[in-house]
N, C-alpha and C. Protein backbone atom coordinates (compact mmCIF):
# COMPACT_ATOMS: atom_id res chain seq x y z
N MET A 1 14.47 -5.28 16.01
CA MET A 1 15.43 -4.20 16.11
C MET A 1 16.67 -4.71 16.83
N SER A 2 17.78 -4.23 16.39
CA SER A 2 19.01 -4.65 17.04
C SER A 2 19.89 -3.45 17.29
N ASP A 3 20.83 -3.64 18.16
CA ASP A 3 21.77 -2.58 18.45
C ASP A 3 22.97 -2.71 17.53
N HIS A 4 23.50 -1.59 17.18
CA HIS A 4 24.71 -1.53 16.38
C HIS A 4 25.85 -2.11 17.23
N PRO A 5 26.87 -2.71 16.62
CA PRO A 5 27.97 -3.29 17.40
C PRO A 5 28.60 -2.32 18.39
N THR A 6 28.55 -1.04 18.10
CA THR A 6 29.14 -0.07 19.02
C THR A 6 28.22 0.23 20.20
N GLY A 7 27.03 -0.36 20.18
CA GLY A 7 26.08 -0.13 21.27
C GLY A 7 25.10 0.98 20.98
N THR A 8 25.22 1.62 19.81
CA THR A 8 24.29 2.68 19.45
C THR A 8 23.19 2.11 18.56
N PHE A 9 22.03 2.69 18.65
CA PHE A 9 20.90 2.24 17.86
C PHE A 9 21.03 2.76 16.44
N VAL A 10 20.76 1.92 15.46
CA VAL A 10 20.82 2.31 14.06
C VAL A 10 19.39 2.50 13.57
N ALA A 11 19.01 3.72 13.21
CA ALA A 11 17.64 4.04 12.82
C ALA A 11 17.19 3.29 11.57
N ASP A 12 18.10 2.99 10.65
CA ASP A 12 17.72 2.31 9.42
C ASP A 12 17.18 0.90 9.68
N GLU A 13 17.41 0.37 10.86
CA GLU A 13 16.98 -0.99 11.17
C GLU A 13 15.57 -1.03 11.75
N LEU A 14 14.93 0.13 11.95
CA LEU A 14 13.58 0.15 12.49
C LEU A 14 12.63 -0.58 11.56
N GLN A 15 11.76 -1.36 12.13
CA GLN A 15 10.76 -2.07 11.34
C GLN A 15 9.35 -1.59 11.64
N LEU A 16 9.16 -0.98 12.81
CA LEU A 16 7.85 -0.46 13.21
C LEU A 16 8.02 0.99 13.64
N TYR A 17 7.11 1.84 13.17
CA TYR A 17 7.18 3.26 13.48
C TYR A 17 5.92 3.72 14.21
N LYS A 18 6.11 4.63 15.16
CA LYS A 18 4.99 5.24 15.86
C LYS A 18 4.35 6.29 14.94
N ILE A 19 3.10 6.60 15.21
CA ILE A 19 2.36 7.54 14.38
C ILE A 19 3.10 8.88 14.21
N PRO A 20 3.61 9.49 15.28
CA PRO A 20 4.33 10.76 15.07
C PRO A 20 5.53 10.65 14.13
N GLU A 21 6.20 9.50 14.14
CA GLU A 21 7.34 9.30 13.24
C GLU A 21 6.85 9.22 11.80
N VAL A 22 5.73 8.52 11.59
CA VAL A 22 5.16 8.39 10.24
C VAL A 22 4.66 9.75 9.76
N MET A 23 4.09 10.53 10.66
CA MET A 23 3.64 11.88 10.30
C MET A 23 4.80 12.69 9.73
N LEU A 24 5.96 12.61 10.38
CA LEU A 24 7.14 13.34 9.91
C LEU A 24 7.65 12.80 8.58
N MET A 25 7.70 11.48 8.46
CA MET A 25 8.22 10.86 7.24
C MET A 25 7.36 11.19 6.03
N LEU A 26 6.02 11.11 6.20
CA LEU A 26 5.11 11.31 5.08
C LEU A 26 4.63 12.75 4.94
N LYS A 27 5.02 13.60 5.89
CA LYS A 27 4.61 15.01 5.88
C LYS A 27 3.09 15.13 5.85
N MET A 28 2.43 14.35 6.72
CA MET A 28 0.97 14.33 6.80
C MET A 28 0.55 14.52 8.25
N SER A 29 -0.65 15.04 8.43
CA SER A 29 -1.17 15.25 9.78
C SER A 29 -1.61 13.93 10.39
N ARG A 30 -1.78 13.95 11.69
CA ARG A 30 -2.27 12.78 12.42
C ARG A 30 -3.64 12.35 11.87
N THR A 31 -4.50 13.33 11.61
CA THR A 31 -5.84 13.04 11.09
C THR A 31 -5.76 12.31 9.76
N VAL A 32 -4.89 12.79 8.86
CA VAL A 32 -4.75 12.16 7.54
C VAL A 32 -4.19 10.74 7.68
N ILE A 33 -3.20 10.56 8.54
CA ILE A 33 -2.62 9.22 8.75
C ILE A 33 -3.71 8.25 9.21
N PHE A 34 -4.49 8.65 10.21
CA PHE A 34 -5.53 7.76 10.71
C PHE A 34 -6.63 7.53 9.67
N GLN A 35 -6.91 8.53 8.84
CA GLN A 35 -7.90 8.34 7.77
C GLN A 35 -7.38 7.31 6.76
N GLN A 36 -6.10 7.37 6.44
CA GLN A 36 -5.52 6.40 5.51
C GLN A 36 -5.56 4.99 6.10
N ILE A 37 -5.36 4.88 7.40
CA ILE A 37 -5.45 3.58 8.08
C ILE A 37 -6.90 3.07 8.01
N ARG A 38 -7.86 3.94 8.34
CA ARG A 38 -9.29 3.55 8.30
C ARG A 38 -9.72 3.13 6.90
N ASP A 39 -9.17 3.81 5.88
CA ASP A 39 -9.51 3.50 4.49
C ASP A 39 -8.73 2.31 3.94
N CYS A 40 -7.95 1.66 4.80
CA CYS A 40 -7.14 0.48 4.42
C CYS A 40 -6.12 0.80 3.33
N ARG A 41 -5.66 2.03 3.30
CA ARG A 41 -4.63 2.43 2.35
C ARG A 41 -3.25 2.36 2.99
N LEU A 42 -3.21 2.39 4.32
CA LEU A 42 -1.96 2.31 5.07
C LEU A 42 -2.16 1.27 6.16
N ARG A 43 -1.38 0.19 6.05
CA ARG A 43 -1.50 -0.89 7.04
C ARG A 43 -0.89 -0.48 8.37
N SER A 44 -1.44 -1.03 9.44
CA SER A 44 -0.89 -0.79 10.77
C SER A 44 -1.09 -2.03 11.62
N VAL A 45 -0.38 -2.07 12.72
CA VAL A 45 -0.51 -3.16 13.69
C VAL A 45 -0.67 -2.53 15.07
N ARG A 46 -1.15 -3.32 16.00
CA ARG A 46 -1.27 -2.84 17.37
C ARG A 46 -0.36 -3.66 18.27
N GLN A 47 0.31 -2.96 19.16
CA GLN A 47 1.11 -3.58 20.21
C GLN A 47 0.61 -2.98 21.50
N GLY A 48 -0.22 -3.73 22.21
CA GLY A 48 -0.88 -3.16 23.38
C GLY A 48 -1.82 -2.06 22.91
N ARG A 49 -1.66 -0.88 23.45
CA ARG A 49 -2.49 0.25 23.06
C ARG A 49 -1.88 1.07 21.92
N ALA A 50 -0.63 0.76 21.58
CA ALA A 50 0.07 1.54 20.56
C ALA A 50 -0.29 1.07 19.15
N ARG A 51 -0.49 2.02 18.27
CA ARG A 51 -0.70 1.75 16.84
C ARG A 51 0.64 1.99 16.17
N LEU A 52 1.14 0.99 15.47
CA LEU A 52 2.45 1.06 14.82
C LEU A 52 2.31 0.79 13.33
N ILE A 53 3.17 1.40 12.57
CA ILE A 53 3.16 1.23 11.11
C ILE A 53 4.43 0.49 10.71
N PRO A 54 4.27 -0.68 10.07
CA PRO A 54 5.46 -1.41 9.60
C PRO A 54 6.17 -0.63 8.49
N ALA A 55 7.49 -0.75 8.44
CA ALA A 55 8.27 -0.10 7.38
C ALA A 55 7.78 -0.54 6.01
N SER A 56 7.42 -1.80 5.86
CA SER A 56 6.93 -2.30 4.57
C SER A 56 5.62 -1.62 4.17
N ALA A 57 4.78 -1.28 5.16
CA ALA A 57 3.50 -0.62 4.87
C ALA A 57 3.74 0.80 4.35
N ILE A 58 4.77 1.46 4.86
CA ILE A 58 5.10 2.80 4.38
C ILE A 58 5.54 2.74 2.92
N ALA A 59 6.39 1.76 2.60
CA ALA A 59 6.85 1.59 1.22
C ALA A 59 5.67 1.27 0.30
N GLU A 60 4.76 0.42 0.74
CA GLU A 60 3.58 0.07 -0.06
C GLU A 60 2.69 1.29 -0.28
N TYR A 61 2.52 2.11 0.76
CA TYR A 61 1.69 3.29 0.66
C TYR A 61 2.28 4.29 -0.34
N ILE A 62 3.59 4.49 -0.28
CA ILE A 62 4.24 5.39 -1.23
C ILE A 62 4.08 4.87 -2.65
N ALA A 63 4.23 3.56 -2.84
CA ALA A 63 4.04 2.96 -4.17
C ALA A 63 2.60 3.16 -4.64
N LEU A 64 1.64 3.04 -3.74
CA LEU A 64 0.23 3.28 -4.07
C LEU A 64 0.03 4.72 -4.55
N LEU A 65 0.59 5.66 -3.83
CA LEU A 65 0.47 7.07 -4.22
C LEU A 65 1.11 7.31 -5.60
N GLU A 66 2.24 6.68 -5.85
CA GLU A 66 2.91 6.83 -7.15
C GLU A 66 2.06 6.24 -8.27
N ARG A 67 1.46 5.06 -8.04
CA ARG A 67 0.58 4.44 -9.05
C ARG A 67 -0.62 5.33 -9.33
N GLU A 68 -1.23 5.85 -8.27
CA GLU A 68 -2.40 6.71 -8.45
C GLU A 68 -2.04 7.97 -9.24
N GLU A 69 -0.88 8.53 -8.96
CA GLU A 69 -0.45 9.72 -9.69
C GLU A 69 -0.19 9.39 -11.15
N ALA A 70 0.44 8.25 -11.41
CA ALA A 70 0.69 7.83 -12.79
C ALA A 70 -0.62 7.63 -13.55
N GLU A 71 -1.60 7.03 -12.89
CA GLU A 71 -2.90 6.83 -13.52
C GLU A 71 -3.59 8.16 -13.80
N ARG A 72 -3.47 9.10 -12.85
CA ARG A 72 -4.09 10.42 -13.02
C ARG A 72 -3.48 11.17 -14.18
N THR A 73 -2.18 11.12 -14.30
CA THR A 73 -1.51 11.87 -15.38
C THR A 73 -1.67 11.19 -16.73
N ALA A 74 -1.89 9.88 -16.74
CA ALA A 74 -2.08 9.15 -17.99
C ALA A 74 -3.50 9.34 -18.55
N ALA A 75 -4.42 9.69 -17.69
CA ALA A 75 -5.83 9.82 -18.12
C ALA A 75 -6.09 11.12 -18.84
């Protein structure tokens, strides 16, 4: 993460998100987020005691949901 030249933080540059942030982005409950992590459908990393979700993992998870939906509608 880096600071914007003006000294303000630019949110688009975030690479790791806390669970509450992911809950808001994906419109899912904490329980569902952790279930997706346990099921290896959503990757996460640990930094100390914190569980963080990489931005790339969110994009992969959304792509997975889109593929699953496409398969469901094609069947």
